[in-house]
Amino acid sequence: MITATATDVQNNFGKYLHMVQTGGEVIVIKNGKEVARLVSYEKSVSFLTDSLTGILKGDYNEKEVRMERMQKYESAD
């Protein structure tokens, strides 16, 4: 996984698209904050499937997940 500024991604989109197509991930930073993540379509589907597996198995605590998300977004301000 690599990080790149929004401007760099805009100016070199083909380069970053190729990285993603070959299995990499790119974290996009704007004004010093992470604002996006570029991943391949296959990886995004896999991530969602893995996330849902815990829910379907009953190995999912909604309150814990909600607290983690709230902490993440509160610290992003």
PDB file of N, CA and C in Angstrom:
ATOM      1  N   MET A   1       0.852  -1.170   0.000  1.00  0.00           N
ATOM      2  CA  MET A   1       0.000   0.000   0.000  1.00  0.00           C
ATOM      3  C   MET A   1       0.901   1.237   0.000  1.00  0.00           C
ATOM      4  N   ILE A   2       0.528   2.185  -0.856  1.00  0.00           N
ATOM      5  CA  ILE A   2       1.292   3.427  -0.914  1.00  0.00           C
ATOM      6  C   ILE A   2       0.352   4.606  -0.690  1.00  0.00           C
ATOM      7  N   THR A   3       0.923   5.728  -0.365  1.00  0.00           N
ATOM      8  CA  THR A   3       0.131   6.945  -0.211  1.00  0.00           C
ATOM      9  C   THR A   3       0.562   7.940  -1.271  1.00  0.00           C
ATOM     10  N   ALA A   4      -0.393   8.760  -1.696  1.00  0.00           N
ATOM     11  CA  ALA A   4      -0.108   9.787  -2.694  1.00  0.00           C
ATOM     12  C   ALA A   4      -1.052  10.950  -2.471  1.00  0.00           C
ATOM     13  N   THR A   5      -0.588  12.129  -2.820  1.00  0.00           N
ATOM     14  CA  THR A   5      -1.447  13.306  -2.690  1.00  0.00           C
ATOM     15  C   THR A   5      -2.506  13.279  -3.792  1.00  0.00           C
ATOM     16  N   ALA A   6      -3.603  13.972  -3.559  1.00  0.00           N
ATOM     17  CA  ALA A   6      -4.673  14.054  -4.547  1.00  0.00           C
ATOM     18  C   ALA A   6      -4.154  14.652  -5.849  1.00  0.00           C
ATOM     19  N   THR A   7      -3.305  15.641  -5.739  1.00  0.00           N
ATOM     20  CA  THR A   7      -2.735  16.276  -6.935  1.00  0.00           C
ATOM     21  C   THR A   7      -1.883  15.290  -7.717  1.00  0.00           C
ATOM     22  N   ASP A   8      -1.067  14.508  -7.015  1.00  0.00           N
ATOM     23  CA  ASP A   8      -0.216  13.522  -7.678  1.00  0.00           C
ATOM     24  C   ASP A   8      -1.063  12.460  -8.372  1.00  0.00           C
ATOM     25  N   VAL A   9      -2.118  12.009  -7.715  1.00  0.00           N
ATOM     26  CA  VAL A   9      -3.006  11.021  -8.336  1.00  0.00           C
ATOM     27  C   VAL A   9      -3.668  11.624  -9.573  1.00  0.00           C
ATOM     28  N   GLN A  10      -4.097  12.860  -9.481  1.00  0.00           N
ATOM     29  CA  GLN A  10      -4.734  13.529 -10.617  1.00  0.00           C
ATOM     30  C   GLN A  10      -3.756  13.638 -11.794  1.00  0.00           C
ATOM     31  N   ASN A  11      -2.529  14.010 -11.513  1.00  0.00           N
ATOM     32  CA  ASN A  11      -1.543  14.214 -12.572  1.00  0.00           C
ATOM     33  C   ASN A  11      -0.974  12.913 -13.130  1.00  0.00           C
ATOM     34  N   ASN A  12      -1.064  11.826 -12.368  1.00  0.00           N
ATOM     35  CA  ASN A  12      -0.471  10.537 -12.775  1.00  0.00           C
ATOM     36  C   ASN A  12      -1.476   9.400 -12.628  1.00  0.00           C
ATOM     37  N   PHE A  13      -2.718   9.658 -13.011  1.00  0.00           N
ATOM     38  CA  PHE A  13      -3.777   8.692 -12.775  1.00  0.00           C
ATOM     39  C   PHE A  13      -3.465   7.325 -13.391  1.00  0.00           C
ATOM     40  N   GLY A  14      -2.935   7.302 -14.595  1.00  0.00           N
ATOM     41  CA  GLY A  14      -2.621   6.037 -15.262  1.00  0.00           C
ATOM     42  C   GLY A  14      -1.662   5.182 -14.455  1.00  0.00           C
ATOM     43  N   LYS A  15      -0.668   5.811 -13.870  1.00  0.00           N
ATOM     44  CA  LYS A  15       0.322   5.109 -13.048  1.00  0.00           C
ATOM     45  C   LYS A  15      -0.353   4.451 -11.840  1.00  0.00           C
ATOM     46  N   TYR A  16      -1.217   5.211 -11.161  1.00  0.00           N
ATOM     47  CA  TYR A  16      -1.881   4.670  -9.974  1.00  0.00           C
ATOM     48  C   TYR A  16      -2.942   3.639 -10.345  1.00  0.00           C
ATOM     49  N   LEU A  17      -3.597   3.833 -11.457  1.00  0.00           N
ATOM     50  CA  LEU A  17      -4.568   2.844 -11.921  1.00  0.00           C
ATOM     51  C   LEU A  17      -3.869   1.521 -12.211  1.00  0.00           C
ATOM     52  N   HIS A  18      -2.711   1.587 -12.818  1.00  0.00           N
ATOM     53  CA  HIS A  18      -1.945   0.369 -13.090  1.00  0.00           C
ATOM     54  C   HIS A  18      -1.547  -0.329 -11.777  1.00  0.00           C
ATOM     55  N   MET A  19      -1.131   0.448 -10.785  1.00  0.00           N
ATOM     56  CA  MET A  19      -0.778  -0.137  -9.482  1.00  0.00           C
ATOM     57  C   MET A  19      -1.964  -0.898  -8.890  1.00  0.00           C
ATOM     58  N   VAL A  20      -3.136  -0.288  -8.979  1.00  0.00           N
ATOM     59  CA  VAL A  20      -4.336  -0.905  -8.427  1.00  0.00           C
ATOM     60  C   VAL A  20      -4.703  -2.159  -9.222  1.00  0.00           C
ATOM     61  N   GLN A  21      -4.580  -2.090 -10.530  1.00  0.00           N
ATOM     62  CA  GLN A  21      -4.914  -3.239 -11.370  1.00  0.00           C
ATOM     63  C   GLN A  21      -3.992  -4.424 -11.099  1.00  0.00           C
ATOM     64  N   THR A  22      -2.785  -4.167 -10.665  1.00  0.00           N
ATOM     65  CA  THR A  22      -1.839  -5.254 -10.394  1.00  0.00           C
ATOM     66  C   THR A  22      -1.855  -5.682  -8.931  1.00  0.00           C
ATOM     67  N   GLY A  23      -2.892  -5.277  -8.192  1.00  0.00           N
ATOM     68  CA  GLY A  23      -3.077  -5.760  -6.827  1.00  0.00           C
ATOM     69  C   GLY A  23      -2.698  -4.802  -5.726  1.00  0.00           C
ATOM     70  N   GLY A  24      -2.224  -3.620  -6.052  1.00  0.00           N
ATOM     71  CA  GLY A  24      -1.832  -2.660  -5.024  1.00  0.00           C
ATOM     72  C   GLY A  24      -3.002  -1.856  -4.492  1.00  0.00           C
ATOM     73  N   GLU A  25      -2.718  -1.074  -3.486  1.00  0.00           N
ATOM     74  CA  GLU A  25      -3.688  -0.147  -2.913  1.00  0.00           C
ATOM     75  C   GLU A  25      -3.028   1.218  -2.829  1.00  0.00           C
ATOM     76  N   VAL A  26      -3.816   2.257  -3.039  1.00  0.00           N
ATOM     77  CA  VAL A  26      -3.308   3.619  -2.973  1.00  0.00           C
ATOM     78  C   VAL A  26      -4.197   4.407  -2.013  1.00  0.00           C
ATOM     79  N   ILE A  27      -3.600   5.001  -0.999  1.00  0.00           N
ATOM     80  CA  ILE A  27      -4.300   5.887  -0.090  1.00  0.00           C
ATOM     81  C   ILE A  27      -4.092   7.305  -0.609  1.00  0.00           C
ATOM     82  N   VAL A  28      -5.184   8.031  -0.827  1.00  0.00           N
ATOM     83  CA  VAL A  28      -5.116   9.389  -1.358  1.00  0.00           C
ATOM     84  C   VAL A  28      -5.206  10.372  -0.196  1.00  0.00           C
ATOM     85  N   ILE A  29      -4.259  11.298  -0.158  1.00  0.00           N
ATOM     86  CA  ILE A  29      -4.184  12.282   0.915  1.00  0.00           C
ATOM     87  C   ILE A  29      -4.455  13.669   0.342  1.00  0.00           C
ATOM     88  N   LYS A  30      -5.307  14.413   1.033  1.00  0.00           N
ATOM     89  CA  LYS A  30      -5.581  15.794   0.649  1.00  0.00           C
ATOM     90  C   LYS A  30      -5.502  16.648   1.904  1.00  0.00           C
ATOM     91  N   ASN A  31      -4.733  17.702   1.848  1.00  0.00           N
ATOM     92  CA  ASN A  31      -4.526  18.586   2.992  1.00  0.00           C
ATOM     93  C   ASN A  31      -4.076  17.822   4.233  1.00  0.00           C
ATOM     94  N   GLY A  32      -3.228  16.816   4.020  1.00  0.00           N
ATOM     95  CA  GLY A  32      -2.662  16.068   5.127  1.00  0.00           C
ATOM     96  C   GLY A  32      -3.556  15.005   5.727  1.00  0.00           C
ATOM     97  N   LYS A  33      -4.753  14.791   5.167  1.00  0.00           N
ATOM     98  CA  LYS A  33      -5.680  13.790   5.697  1.00  0.00           C
ATOM     99  C   LYS A  33      -5.989  12.741   4.646  1.00  0.00           C
ATOM    100  N   GLU A  34      -6.132  11.498   5.099  1.00  0.00           N
ATOM    101  CA  GLU A  34      -6.523  10.424   4.196  1.00  0.00           C
ATOM    102  C   GLU A  34      -7.981  10.632   3.799  1.00  0.00           C
ATOM    103  N   VAL A  35      -8.230  10.709   2.492  1.00  0.00           N
ATOM    104  CA  VAL A  35      -9.588  10.976   2.029  1.00  0.00           C
ATOM    105  C   VAL A  35     -10.168   9.855   1.170  1.00  0.00           C
ATOM    106  N   ALA A  36      -9.315   8.981   0.640  1.00  0.00           N
ATOM    107  CA  ALA A  36      -9.819   7.917  -0.223  1.00  0.00           C
ATOM    108  C   ALA A  36      -8.827   6.774  -0.286  1.00  0.00           C
ATOM    109  N   ARG A  37      -9.340   5.632  -0.712  1.00  0.00           N
ATOM    110  CA  ARG A  37      -8.491   4.466  -0.931  1.00  0.00           C
ATOM    111  C   ARG A  37      -8.863   3.877  -2.276  1.00  0.00           C
ATOM    112  N   LEU A  38      -7.886   3.692  -3.133  1.00  0.00           N
ATOM    113  CA  LEU A  38      -8.113   3.065  -4.426  1.00  0.00           C
ATOM    114  C   LEU A  38      -7.717   1.601  -4.321  1.00  0.00           C
ATOM    115  N   VAL A  39      -8.659   0.726  -4.624  1.00  0.00           N
ATOM    116  CA  VAL A  39      -8.402  -0.715  -4.641  1.00  0.00           C
ATOM    117  C   VAL A  39      -9.064  -1.287  -5.885  1.00  0.00           C
ATOM    118  N   SER A  40      -8.604  -2.452  -6.301  1.00  0.00           N
ATOM    119  CA  SER A  40      -9.205  -3.088  -7.461  1.00  0.00           C
ATOM    120  C   SER A  40     -10.627  -3.545  -7.139  1.00  0.00           C
ATOM    121  N   TYR A  41     -11.393  -3.738  -8.162  1.00  0.00           N
ATOM    122  CA  TYR A  41     -12.776  -4.193  -7.992  1.00  0.00           C
ATOM    123  C   TYR A  41     -12.801  -5.535  -7.255  1.00  0.00           C
ATOM    124  N   GLU A  42     -11.906  -6.441  -7.630  1.00  0.00           N
ATOM    125  CA  GLU A  42     -11.878  -7.756  -6.996  1.00  0.00           C
ATOM    126  C   GLU A  42     -11.590  -7.653  -5.503  1.00  0.00           C
ATOM    127  N   LYS A  43     -10.651  -6.784  -5.127  1.00  0.00           N
ATOM    128  CA  LYS A  43     -10.329  -6.615  -3.709  1.00  0.00           C
ATOM    129  C   LYS A  43     -11.490  -6.000  -2.945  1.00  0.00           C
ATOM    130  N   SER A  44     -12.192  -5.062  -3.569  1.00  0.00           N
ATOM    131  CA  SER A  44     -13.306  -4.423  -2.863  1.00  0.00           C
ATOM    132  C   SER A  44     -14.425  -5.414  -2.620  1.00  0.00           C
ATOM    133  N   VAL A  45     -14.705  -6.264  -3.578  1.00  0.00           N
ATOM    134  CA  VAL A  45     -15.733  -7.289  -3.401  1.00  0.00           C
ATOM    135  C   VAL A  45     -15.301  -8.256  -2.316  1.00  0.00           C
ATOM    136  N   SER A  46     -14.024  -8.632  -2.312  1.00  0.00           N
ATOM    137  CA  SER A  46     -13.497  -9.535  -1.299  1.00  0.00           C
ATOM    138  C   SER A  46     -13.611  -8.919   0.087  1.00  0.00           C
ATOM    139  N   PHE A  47     -13.286  -7.632   0.209  1.00  0.00           N
ATOM    140  CA  PHE A  47     -13.376  -6.943   1.499  1.00  0.00           C
ATOM    141  C   PHE A  47     -14.804  -6.958   2.015  1.00  0.00           C
ATOM    142  N   LEU A  48     -15.760  -6.663   1.142  1.00  0.00           N
ATOM    143  CA  LEU A  48     -17.161  -6.660   1.558  1.00  0.00           C
ATOM    144  C   LEU A  48     -17.615  -8.056   1.949  1.00  0.00           C
ATOM    145  N   THR A  49     -17.214  -9.048   1.191  1.00  0.00           N
ATOM    146  CA  THR A  49     -17.587 -10.426   1.504  1.00  0.00           C
ATOM    147  C   THR A  49     -17.028 -10.833   2.860  1.00  0.00           C
ATOM    148  N   ASP A  50     -15.758 -10.522   3.097  1.00  0.00           N
ATOM    149  CA  ASP A  50     -15.148 -10.864   4.385  1.00  0.00           C
ATOM    150  C   ASP A  50     -15.855 -10.151   5.536  1.00  0.00           C
ATOM    151  N   SER A  51     -16.251  -8.913   5.331  1.00  0.00           N
ATOM    152  CA  SER A  51     -16.949  -8.164   6.372  1.00  0.00           C
ATOM    153  C   SER A  51     -18.305  -8.783   6.671  1.00  0.00           C
ATOM    154  N   LEU A  52     -19.008  -9.176   5.628  1.00  0.00           N
ATOM    155  CA  LEU A  52     -20.335  -9.755   5.815  1.00  0.00           C
ATOM    156  C   LEU A  52     -20.291 -11.146   6.413  1.00  0.00           C
ATOM    157  N   THR A  53     -19.197 -11.860   6.216  1.00  0.00           N
ATOM    158  CA  THR A  53     -19.078 -13.203   6.766  1.00  0.00           C
ATOM    159  C   THR A  53     -19.234 -13.187   8.280  1.00  0.00           C
ATOM    160  N   GLY A  54     -18.627 -12.220   8.945  1.00  0.00           N
ATOM    161  CA  GLY A  54     -18.762 -12.116  10.400  1.00  0.00           C
ATOM    162  C   GLY A  54     -20.198 -11.876  10.812  1.00  0.00           C
ATOM    163  N   ILE A  55     -20.925 -11.083  10.037  1.00  0.00           N
ATOM    164  CA  ILE A  55     -22.327 -10.810  10.341  1.00  0.00           C
ATOM    165  C   ILE A  55     -23.155 -12.079  10.183  1.00  0.00           C
ATOM    166  N   LEU A  56     -22.943 -12.785   9.089  1.00  0.00           N
ATOM    167  CA  LEU A  56     -23.737 -13.976   8.816  1.00  0.00           C
ATOM    168  C   LEU A  56     -23.450 -15.101   9.803  1.00  0.00           C
ATOM    169  N   LYS A  57     -22.226 -15.188  10.293  1.00  0.00           N
ATOM    170  CA  LYS A  57     -21.878 -16.214  11.268  1.00  0.00           C
ATOM    171  C   LYS A  57     -22.331 -15.838  12.671  1.00  0.00           C
ATOM    172  N   GLY A  58     -22.790 -14.630  12.844  1.00  0.00           N
ATOM    173  CA  GLY A  58     -23.189 -14.186  14.167  1.00  0.00           C
ATOM    174  C   GLY A  58     -22.012 -13.685  14.985  1.00  0.00           C
ATOM    175  N   ASP A  59     -20.842 -13.612  14.363  1.00  0.00           N
ATOM    176  CA  ASP A  59     -19.633 -13.142  15.035  1.00  0.00           C
ATOM    177  C   ASP A  59     -19.485 -11.644  14.772  1.00  0.00           C
ATOM    178  N   TYR A  60     -20.470 -10.902  15.225  1.00  0.00           N
ATOM    179  CA  TYR A  60     -20.546  -9.477  14.895  1.00  0.00           C
ATOM    180  C   TYR A  60     -21.171  -8.747  16.063  1.00  0.00           C
ATOM    181  N   ASN A  61     -20.481  -7.743  16.563  1.00  0.00           N
ATOM    182  CA  ASN A  61     -21.006  -6.970  17.671  1.00  0.00           C
ATOM    183  C   ASN A  61     -21.260  -5.551  17.152  1.00  0.00           C
ATOM    184  N   GLU A  62     -22.519  -5.248  16.907  1.00  0.00           N
ATOM    185  CA  GLU A  62     -22.885  -3.967  16.302  1.00  0.00           C
ATOM    186  C   GLU A  62     -22.394  -2.777  17.118  1.00  0.00           C
ATOM    187  N   LYS A  63     -22.484  -2.865  18.438  1.00  0.00           N
ATOM    188  CA  LYS A  63     -22.061  -1.746  19.281  1.00  0.00           C
ATOM    189  C   LYS A  63     -20.561  -1.494  19.169  1.00  0.00           C
ATOM    190  N   GLU A  64     -19.765  -2.551  19.140  1.00  0.00           N
ATOM    191  CA  GLU A  64     -18.314  -2.386  19.008  1.00  0.00           C
ATOM    192  C   GLU A  64     -17.951  -1.778  17.662  1.00  0.00           C
ATOM    193  N   VAL A  65     -18.581  -2.262  16.607  1.00  0.00           N
ATOM    194  CA  VAL A  65     -18.292  -1.742  15.269  1.00  0.00           C
ATOM    195  C   VAL A  65     -18.690  -0.275  15.177  1.00  0.00           C
ATOM    196  N   ARG A  66     -19.839   0.078  15.732  1.00  0.00           N
ATOM    197  CA  ARG A  66     -20.300   1.471  15.699  1.00  0.00           C
ATOM    198  C   ARG A  66     -19.334   2.375  16.458  1.00  0.00           C
ATOM    199  N   MET A  67     -18.861   1.928  17.619  1.00  0.00           N
ATOM    200  CA  MET A  67     -17.914   2.725  18.405  1.00  0.00           C
ATOM    201  C   MET A  67     -16.602   2.917  17.652  1.00  0.00           C
ATOM    202  N   GLU A  68     -16.108   1.853  17.000  1.00  0.00           N
ATOM    203  CA  GLU A  68     -14.878   1.956  16.221  1.00  0.00           C
ATOM    204  C   GLU A  68     -15.030   2.978  15.108  1.00  0.00           C
ATOM    205  N   ARG A  69     -16.155   2.933  14.414  1.00  0.00           N
ATOM    206  CA  ARG A  69     -16.397   3.878  13.326  1.00  0.00           C
ATOM    207  C   ARG A  69     -16.501   5.305  13.843  1.00  0.00           C
ATOM    208  N   MET A  70     -17.197   5.490  14.949  1.00  0.00           N
ATOM    209  CA  MET A  70     -17.348   6.827  15.507  1.00  0.00           C
ATOM    210  C   MET A  70     -15.989   7.398  15.910  1.00  0.00           C
ATOM    211  N   GLN A  71     -15.157   6.577  16.541  1.00  0.00           N
ATOM    212  CA  GLN A  71     -13.832   7.030  16.952  1.00  0.00           C
ATOM    213  C   GLN A  71     -12.991   7.395  15.730  1.00  0.00           C
ATOM    214  N   LYS A  72     -13.101   6.599  14.694  1.00  0.00           N
ATOM    215  CA  LYS A  72     -12.333   6.861  13.479  1.00  0.00           C
ATOM    216  C   LYS A  72     -12.719   8.200  12.870  1.00  0.00           C
ATOM    217  N   TYR A  73     -14.002   8.466  12.765  1.00  0.00           N
ATOM    218  CA  TYR A  73     -14.453   9.694  12.126  1.00  0.00           C
ATOM    219  C   TYR A  73     -14.296  10.913  13.033  1.00  0.00           C
ATOM    220  N   GLU A  74     -14.377  10.728  14.323  1.00  0.00           N
ATOM    221  CA  GLU A  74     -14.158  11.841  15.231  1.00  0.00           C
ATOM    222  C   GLU A  74     -12.698  12.283  15.205  1.00  0.00           C
ATOM    223  N   SER A  75     -11.789  11.311  15.059  1.00  0.00           N
ATOM    224  CA  SER A  75     -10.369  11.663  15.033  1.00  0.00           C
ATOM    225  C   SER A  75      -9.943  12.245  13.690  1.00  0.00           C
ATOM    226  N   ALA A  76     -10.777  12.103  12.649  1.00  0.00           N
ATOM    227  CA  ALA A  76     -10.457  12.637  11.329  1.00  0.00           C
ATOM    228  C   ALA A  76     -10.698  14.148  11.243  1.00  0.00           C
ATOM    229  N   ASP A  77     -11.402  14.722  12.211  1.00  0.00           N
ATOM    230  CA  ASP A  77     -11.696  16.159  12.176  1.00  0.00           C
ATOM    231  C   ASP A  77     -10.514  16.938  12.467  1.00  0.00           C
TER     232      ASP A  77
END
